Amino acid sequence: MALKLVAHSKIKSGECIKVKGKVSPEATSFSLNLGWDETNLILHFNPRFDFHGDIRTIVCNSKSAGEWGDELRASEFPFHQGEETKICVSFDAEEVTVKLPEGQELKFPNRLRLETAEYFSVAGDLDIKSVKFD
């Protein structure tokens, strides 16, 4: 998966990262990553259309010092190939909240307990229209 966007800036607890994009018509997966750097991630958010044996599943994980944690799989899957989508990611020291299309929300524990992040990336089969840090 090619990286499409990497942002290095102070992202504080409570701020919302709003991502608007269009899922590629032939999408297999895309990911959003939030953390201190690429080896320390509060959240690896990975909707999989058909990837690594997962079909229409969202896989979330964290990474500490380059080591992946335990995956969490979510069955809600509001993404559609070839369609526009909006995602909002926010966090505090306890958990990360991902607001999904169709009013759904996904919560994931902030295992690194970080209250600020400096790294955000988008990779895979999502054509980015805009990213806003609010």
C-alpha atoms as a PDB file:
ATOM      1  CA  MET A   1       0.000   0.000   0.000  1.00  0.00           C
ATOM      2  CA  ALA A   2       1.368   3.355  -0.981  1.00  0.00           C
ATOM      3  CA  LEU A   3       1.201   6.205   1.505  1.00  0.00           C
ATOM      4  CA  LYS A   4      -0.936   9.029   0.205  1.00  0.00           C
ATOM      5  CA  LEU A   5      -0.647  11.444   3.083  1.00  0.00           C
ATOM      6  CA  VAL A   6       1.643  11.800   6.058  1.00  0.00           C
ATOM      7  CA  ALA A   7       1.166  14.719   8.428  1.00  0.00           C
ATOM      8  CA  HIS A   8       3.584  15.647  11.185  1.00  0.00           C
ATOM      9  CA  SER A   9       1.986  18.181  13.509  1.00  0.00           C
ATOM     10  CA  LYS A  10       0.820  18.413  17.104  1.00  0.00           C
ATOM     11  CA  ILE A  11      -2.587  16.792  17.410  1.00  0.00           C
ATOM     12  CA  LYS A  12      -4.053  17.283  20.863  1.00  0.00           C
ATOM     13  CA  SER A  13      -6.462  15.177  22.858  1.00  0.00           C
ATOM     14  CA  GLY A  14     -10.042  16.034  21.872  1.00  0.00           C
ATOM     15  CA  GLU A  15      -9.184  17.364  18.411  1.00  0.00           C
ATOM     16  CA  CYS A  16     -10.987  15.763  15.489  1.00  0.00           C
ATOM     17  CA  ILE A  17      -9.160  14.677  12.351  1.00  0.00           C
ATOM     18  CA  LYS A  18     -11.739  14.809   9.558  1.00  0.00           C
ATOM     19  CA  VAL A  19     -10.921  12.764   6.473  1.00  0.00           C
ATOM     20  CA  LYS A  20     -13.041  13.034   3.332  1.00  0.00           C
ATOM     21  CA  GLY A  21     -12.325  10.795   0.407  1.00  0.00           C
ATOM     22  CA  LYS A  22     -13.576   8.475  -2.259  1.00  0.00           C
ATOM     23  CA  VAL A  23     -13.061   4.745  -1.909  1.00  0.00           C
ATOM     24  CA  SER A  24     -11.508   3.329  -5.089  1.00  0.00           C
ATOM     25  CA  PRO A  25     -13.923   1.260  -7.215  1.00  0.00           C
ATOM     26  CA  GLU A  26     -11.604  -1.776  -6.953  1.00  0.00           C
ATOM     27  CA  ALA A  27     -10.633  -1.168  -3.304  1.00  0.00           C
ATOM     28  CA  THR A  28      -9.264  -4.046  -1.238  1.00  0.00           C
ATOM     29  CA  SER A  29      -8.393  -1.967   1.873  1.00  0.00           C
ATOM     30  CA  PHE A  30      -7.215   1.384   3.194  1.00  0.00           C
ATOM     31  CA  SER A  31      -5.813   2.522   6.521  1.00  0.00           C
ATOM     32  CA  LEU A  32      -5.577   5.538   8.792  1.00  0.00           C
ATOM     33  CA  ASN A  33      -2.720   5.636  11.299  1.00  0.00           C
ATOM     34  CA  LEU A  34      -2.461   7.960  14.299  1.00  0.00           C
ATOM     35  CA  GLY A  35       0.356   8.104  16.823  1.00  0.00           C
ATOM     36  CA  TRP A  36       3.688   9.504  17.868  1.00  0.00           C
ATOM     37  CA  ASP A  37       5.505   8.130  14.804  1.00  0.00           C
ATOM     38  CA  GLU A  38       5.095   5.139  12.479  1.00  0.00           C
ATOM     39  CA  THR A  39       6.459   2.715  15.108  1.00  0.00           C
ATOM     40  CA  ASN A  40       4.229   4.009  17.943  1.00  0.00           C
ATOM     41  CA  LEU A  41       0.599   4.120  16.852  1.00  0.00           C
ATOM     42  CA  ILE A  42      -2.405   4.834  19.060  1.00  0.00           C
ATOM     43  CA  LEU A  43      -4.581   3.588  16.207  1.00  0.00           C
ATOM     44  CA  HIS A  44      -4.179   1.603  13.011  1.00  0.00           C
ATOM     45  CA  PHE A  45      -7.679   1.733  11.453  1.00  0.00           C
ATOM     46  CA  ASN A  46      -7.956  -0.675   8.514  1.00  0.00           C
ATOM     47  CA  PRO A  47     -11.264  -1.248   6.665  1.00  0.00           C
ATOM     48  CA  ARG A  48     -10.819  -4.392   4.555  1.00  0.00           C
ATOM     49  CA  PHE A  49     -13.094  -5.058   1.605  1.00  0.00           C
ATOM     50  CA  ASP A  50     -11.269  -8.272   0.728  1.00  0.00           C
ATOM     51  CA  PHE A  51      -7.762  -8.319   2.196  1.00  0.00           C
ATOM     52  CA  HIS A  52      -5.689 -10.836   4.204  1.00  0.00           C
ATOM     53  CA  GLY A  53      -8.679 -13.180   4.370  1.00  0.00           C
ATOM     54  CA  ASP A  54     -10.984 -10.528   5.867  1.00  0.00           C
ATOM     55  CA  ILE A  55     -14.092  -9.536   3.929  1.00  0.00           C
ATOM     56  CA  ARG A  56     -16.017  -6.337   4.791  1.00  0.00           C
ATOM     57  CA  THR A  57     -14.323  -6.108   8.192  1.00  0.00           C
ATOM     58  CA  ILE A  58     -12.694  -3.205  10.034  1.00  0.00           C
ATOM     59  CA  VAL A  59      -9.470  -4.212  11.791  1.00  0.00           C
ATOM     60  CA  CYS A  60      -8.048  -1.910  14.479  1.00  0.00           C
ATOM     61  CA  ASN A  61      -4.740  -2.244  16.270  1.00  0.00           C
ATOM     62  CA  SER A  62      -2.007  -0.303  18.051  1.00  0.00           C
ATOM     63  CA  LYS A  63       1.767  -0.461  17.757  1.00  0.00           C
ATOM     64  CA  SER A  64       4.291   0.163  20.537  1.00  0.00           C
ATOM     65  CA  ALA A  65       8.023   0.337  19.744  1.00  0.00           C
ATOM     66  CA  GLY A  66       7.323  -1.392  16.432  1.00  0.00           C
ATOM     67  CA  GLU A  67       5.373  -4.275  18.006  1.00  0.00           C
ATOM     68  CA  TRP A  68       1.718  -4.788  17.070  1.00  0.00           C
ATOM     69  CA  GLY A  69      -0.857  -5.320  19.834  1.00  0.00           C
ATOM     70  CA  ASP A  70      -3.966  -7.509  19.721  1.00  0.00           C
ATOM     71  CA  GLU A  71      -6.301  -6.820  16.809  1.00  0.00           C
ATOM     72  CA  LEU A  72      -9.875  -5.770  17.359  1.00  0.00           C
ATOM     73  CA  ARG A  73     -12.320  -6.625  14.564  1.00  0.00           C
ATOM     74  CA  ALA A  74     -15.577  -4.771  14.005  1.00  0.00           C
ATOM     75  CA  SER A  75     -18.416  -6.166  11.935  1.00  0.00           C
ATOM     76  CA  GLU A  76     -20.053  -2.832  11.126  1.00  0.00           C
ATOM     77  CA  PHE A  77     -18.827  -1.843   7.674  1.00  0.00           C
ATOM     78  CA  PRO A  78     -20.328   1.376   6.266  1.00  0.00           C
ATOM     79  CA  PHE A  79     -17.860   1.694   3.368  1.00  0.00           C
ATOM     80  CA  HIS A  80     -18.671   1.037  -0.290  1.00  0.00           C
ATOM     81  CA  GLN A  81     -16.322   0.743  -3.244  1.00  0.00           C
ATOM     82  CA  GLY A  82     -16.512   3.749  -5.549  1.00  0.00           C
ATOM     83  CA  GLU A  83     -18.357   5.955  -3.037  1.00  0.00           C
ATOM     84  CA  GLU A  84     -17.464   9.082  -1.076  1.00  0.00           C
ATOM     85  CA  THR A  85     -16.878   8.682   2.650  1.00  0.00           C
ATOM     86  CA  LYS A  86     -16.210  10.828   5.739  1.00  0.00           C
ATOM     87  CA  ILE A  87     -14.377   9.675   8.865  1.00  0.00           C
ATOM     88  CA  CYS A  88     -13.613  11.645  12.042  1.00  0.00           C
ATOM     89  CA  VAL A  89     -10.903  10.409  14.430  1.00  0.00           C
ATOM     90  CA  SER A  90     -10.506  11.854  17.932  1.00  0.00           C
ATOM     91  CA  PHE A  91      -8.770  10.569  21.064  1.00  0.00           C
ATOM     92  CA  ASP A  92      -7.996  11.151  24.709  1.00  0.00           C
ATOM     93  CA  ALA A  93      -5.684   9.320  27.136  1.00  0.00           C
ATOM     94  CA  GLU A  94      -8.276   6.541  27.552  1.00  0.00           C
ATOM     95  CA  GLU A  95      -9.602   5.771  24.074  1.00  0.00           C
ATOM     96  CA  VAL A  96      -9.844   6.625  20.403  1.00  0.00           C
ATOM     97  CA  THR A  97     -13.238   7.336  18.823  1.00  0.00           C
ATOM     98  CA  VAL A  98     -13.766   6.887  15.092  1.00  0.00           C
ATOM     99  CA  LYS A  99     -16.987   8.390  13.762  1.00  0.00           C
ATOM    100  CA  LEU A 100     -17.970   6.378  10.725  1.00  0.00           C
ATOM    101  CA  PRO A 101     -20.403   7.088   7.891  1.00  0.00           C
ATOM    102  CA  GLU A 102     -24.081   6.347   8.562  1.00  0.00           C
ATOM    103  CA  GLY A 103     -23.779   7.657  12.148  1.00  0.00           C
ATOM    104  CA  GLN A 104     -21.835   4.679  13.482  1.00  0.00           C
ATOM    105  CA  GLU A 105     -19.017   4.981  16.023  1.00  0.00           C
ATOM    106  CA  LEU A 106     -16.123   2.700  16.807  1.00  0.00           C
ATOM    107  CA  LYS A 107     -14.154   2.938  20.068  1.00  0.00           C
ATOM    108  CA  PHE A 108     -10.651   1.565  20.587  1.00  0.00           C
ATOM    109  CA  PRO A 109      -8.514   1.760  23.761  1.00  0.00           C
ATOM    110  CA  ASN A 110      -5.581   4.194  23.750  1.00  0.00           C
ATOM    111  CA  ARG A 111      -3.067   1.552  24.799  1.00  0.00           C
ATOM    112  CA  LEU A 112      -0.124   3.969  24.594  1.00  0.00           C
ATOM    113  CA  ARG A 113      -1.935   6.486  26.848  1.00  0.00           C
ATOM    114  CA  LEU A 114      -0.686   9.348  24.670  1.00  0.00           C
ATOM    115  CA  GLU A 115      -2.397  12.709  25.063  1.00  0.00           C
ATOM    116  CA  THR A 116      -0.814  14.208  21.958  1.00  0.00           C
ATOM    117  CA  ALA A 117       0.060  12.717  18.610  1.00  0.00           C
ATOM    118  CA  GLU A 118       2.486  13.957  15.983  1.00  0.00           C
ATOM    119  CA  TYR A 119       1.938  11.447  13.195  1.00  0.00           C
ATOM    120  CA  PHE A 120      -1.086  10.828  10.975  1.00  0.00           C
ATOM    121  CA  SER A 121      -1.084   8.894   7.706  1.00  0.00           C
ATOM    122  CA  VAL A 122      -3.549   7.604   5.138  1.00  0.00           C
ATOM    123  CA  ALA A 123      -2.630   4.685   2.886  1.00  0.00           C
ATOM    124  CA  GLY A 124      -4.305   2.329   0.459  1.00  0.00           C
ATOM    125  CA  ASP A 125      -7.392   2.513  -1.702  1.00  0.00           C
ATOM    126  CA  LEU A 126      -8.819   5.849  -0.545  1.00  0.00           C
ATOM    127  CA  ASP A 127      -8.534   8.916  -2.782  1.00  0.00           C
ATOM    128  CA  ILE A 128      -8.257  11.797  -0.330  1.00  0.00           C
ATOM    129  CA  LYS A 129     -10.372  14.894  -0.984  1.00  0.00           C
ATOM    130  CA  SER A 130      -9.507  16.717   2.269  1.00  0.00           C
ATOM    131  CA  VAL A 131      -8.042  16.301   5.748  1.00  0.00           C
ATOM    132  CA  LYS A 132      -8.863  18.849   8.442  1.00  0.00           C
ATOM    133  CA  PHE A 133      -7.514  19.047  11.970  1.00  0.00           C
ATOM    134  CA  ASP A 134     -10.192  20.667  14.219  1.00  0.00           C
END
